[in-house]
Amino acid sequence: MLKKIREKKWFIILSNRYVLTGLFFVVWMLFLDANSYLIHHELNEEIDRMEEGIDYYSGELEVNKEQLEALESDPEKLEKFAREEYWMHQPGEEIYLIDFEED
């Protein structure tokens, strides 16, 4: 039975030392090496996530710049923003915060 397997064409090809060396090299580069395909794939996914983050924060930066320009140009908007976001008040005023419970 072993003799029949050794006579098969695929066995002769796969038992060639150059083919074995090439297969070992391919397996090594795909899975075992520090620069393997799997590591490159993970790093490319991380790069994609970071680029999405850059796009998101660039948009947020533009929104914040517009809001800052609006606040710097209009003192009434600045006062409204300070009162709503930081609960600031003028001397002698009282602020009541109402917290609604969500069901």
Protein backbone atom coordinates (compact mmCIF):
# COMPACT_ATOMS: atom_id res chain seq x y z
CA MET A 1 0.00 0.00 0.00
CA LEU A 2 2.82 2.40 0.83
CA LYS A 3 4.45 1.52 -2.46
CA LYS A 4 1.26 2.48 -4.34
CA ILE A 5 1.17 5.85 -2.60
CA ARG A 6 4.82 6.52 -3.43
CA GLU A 7 4.13 5.90 -7.09
CA LYS A 8 1.34 8.51 -7.26
CA LYS A 9 2.19 11.70 -9.13
CA TRP A 10 1.02 14.05 -6.33
CA PHE A 11 3.22 12.26 -3.79
CA ILE A 12 6.26 12.55 -6.05
CA ILE A 13 5.64 16.27 -6.49
CA LEU A 14 4.98 16.94 -2.79
CA SER A 15 7.98 14.94 -1.65
CA ASN A 16 10.35 17.03 -3.76
CA ARG A 17 12.67 18.95 -1.42
CA TYR A 18 12.16 22.24 -3.27
CA VAL A 19 8.39 21.94 -3.06
CA LEU A 20 8.64 21.08 0.66
CA THR A 21 10.94 24.04 1.25
CA GLY A 22 8.58 26.33 -0.64
CA LEU A 23 5.54 25.08 1.31
CA PHE A 24 7.40 25.54 4.58
CA PHE A 25 8.33 29.10 3.55
CA VAL A 26 4.73 29.95 2.61
CA VAL A 27 3.35 28.57 5.89
CA TRP A 28 6.05 30.40 7.82
CA MET A 29 5.33 33.73 6.11
CA LEU A 30 1.54 33.41 6.39
CA PHE A 31 1.26 32.34 10.02
CA LEU A 32 4.49 32.23 12.02
CA ASP A 33 6.66 35.18 11.07
CA ALA A 34 6.58 38.55 12.85
CA ASN A 35 5.51 40.10 9.52
CA SER A 36 2.86 37.47 8.83
CA TYR A 37 -0.27 38.04 6.80
CA LEU A 38 -2.45 37.76 9.92
CA ILE A 39 -0.55 40.54 11.70
CA HIS A 40 -0.69 42.75 8.60
CA HIS A 41 -4.43 42.16 8.34
CA GLU A 42 -4.96 43.19 11.99
CA LEU A 43 -2.79 46.27 11.55
CA ASN A 44 -4.67 47.30 8.40
CA GLU A 45 -7.98 47.02 10.29
CA GLU A 46 -6.55 49.19 13.07
CA ILE A 47 -5.41 51.77 10.51
CA ASP A 48 -8.92 51.83 9.04
CA ARG A 49 -10.44 52.39 12.51
CA MET A 50 -7.98 55.20 13.21
CA GLU A 51 -8.73 56.87 9.87
CA GLU A 52 -12.45 56.75 10.70
CA GLY A 53 -11.61 58.36 14.04
CA ILE A 54 -9.65 61.08 12.27
CA ASP A 55 -12.63 61.80 10.02
CA TYR A 56 -15.01 61.90 13.01
CA TYR A 57 -12.82 64.22 15.07
CA SER A 58 -12.16 66.48 12.08
CA GLY A 59 -15.91 66.95 11.75
CA GLU A 60 -16.25 67.60 15.47
CA LEU A 61 -13.42 70.13 15.27
CA GLU A 62 -15.21 72.06 12.53
CA VAL A 63 -18.45 72.10 14.55
CA ASN A 64 -16.60 73.34 17.63
CA LYS A 65 -14.79 76.04 15.65
CA GLU A 66 -18.11 77.32 14.31
CA GLN A 67 -19.59 77.29 17.81
CA LEU A 68 -16.57 79.13 19.21
CA GLU A 69 -16.77 81.81 16.51
CA ALA A 70 -20.49 82.26 17.26
CA LEU A 71 -19.82 82.54 21.00
CA GLU A 72 -16.97 85.03 20.54
CA SER A 73 -19.01 87.27 18.25
CA ASP A 74 -22.23 87.45 20.33
CA PRO A 75 -22.10 88.08 24.10
CA GLU A 76 -25.73 86.98 24.53
CA LYS A 77 -24.96 83.56 23.03
CA LEU A 78 -21.92 83.30 25.29
CA GLU A 79 -24.02 84.03 28.37
CA LYS A 80 -26.70 81.55 27.27
CA PHE A 81 -24.06 78.88 26.68
CA ALA A 82 -22.43 79.48 30.07
CA ARG A 83 -25.78 79.31 31.85
CA GLU A 84 -26.94 76.15 30.08
CA GLU A 85 -23.73 74.15 30.03
CA TYR A 86 -21.99 75.23 33.24
CA TRP A 87 -24.94 76.44 35.34
CA MET A 88 -23.34 79.83 35.85
CA HIS A 89 -25.43 82.59 37.35
CA GLN A 90 -25.17 86.23 38.19
CA PRO A 91 -24.82 87.36 41.80
CA GLY A 92 -28.16 87.31 43.59
CA GLU A 93 -29.75 84.77 41.20
CA GLU A 94 -30.82 81.30 42.22
CA ILE A 95 -30.73 78.34 39.87
CA TYR A 96 -33.08 75.41 40.15
CA LEU A 97 -32.12 72.21 38.37
CA ILE A 98 -34.98 69.87 37.56
CA ASP A 99 -34.01 66.29 36.91
CA PHE A 100 -36.64 64.23 35.12
CA GLU A 101 -36.58 60.51 35.74
CA GLU A 102 -37.00 58.41 32.64
CA ASP A 103 -39.30 55.42 32.85
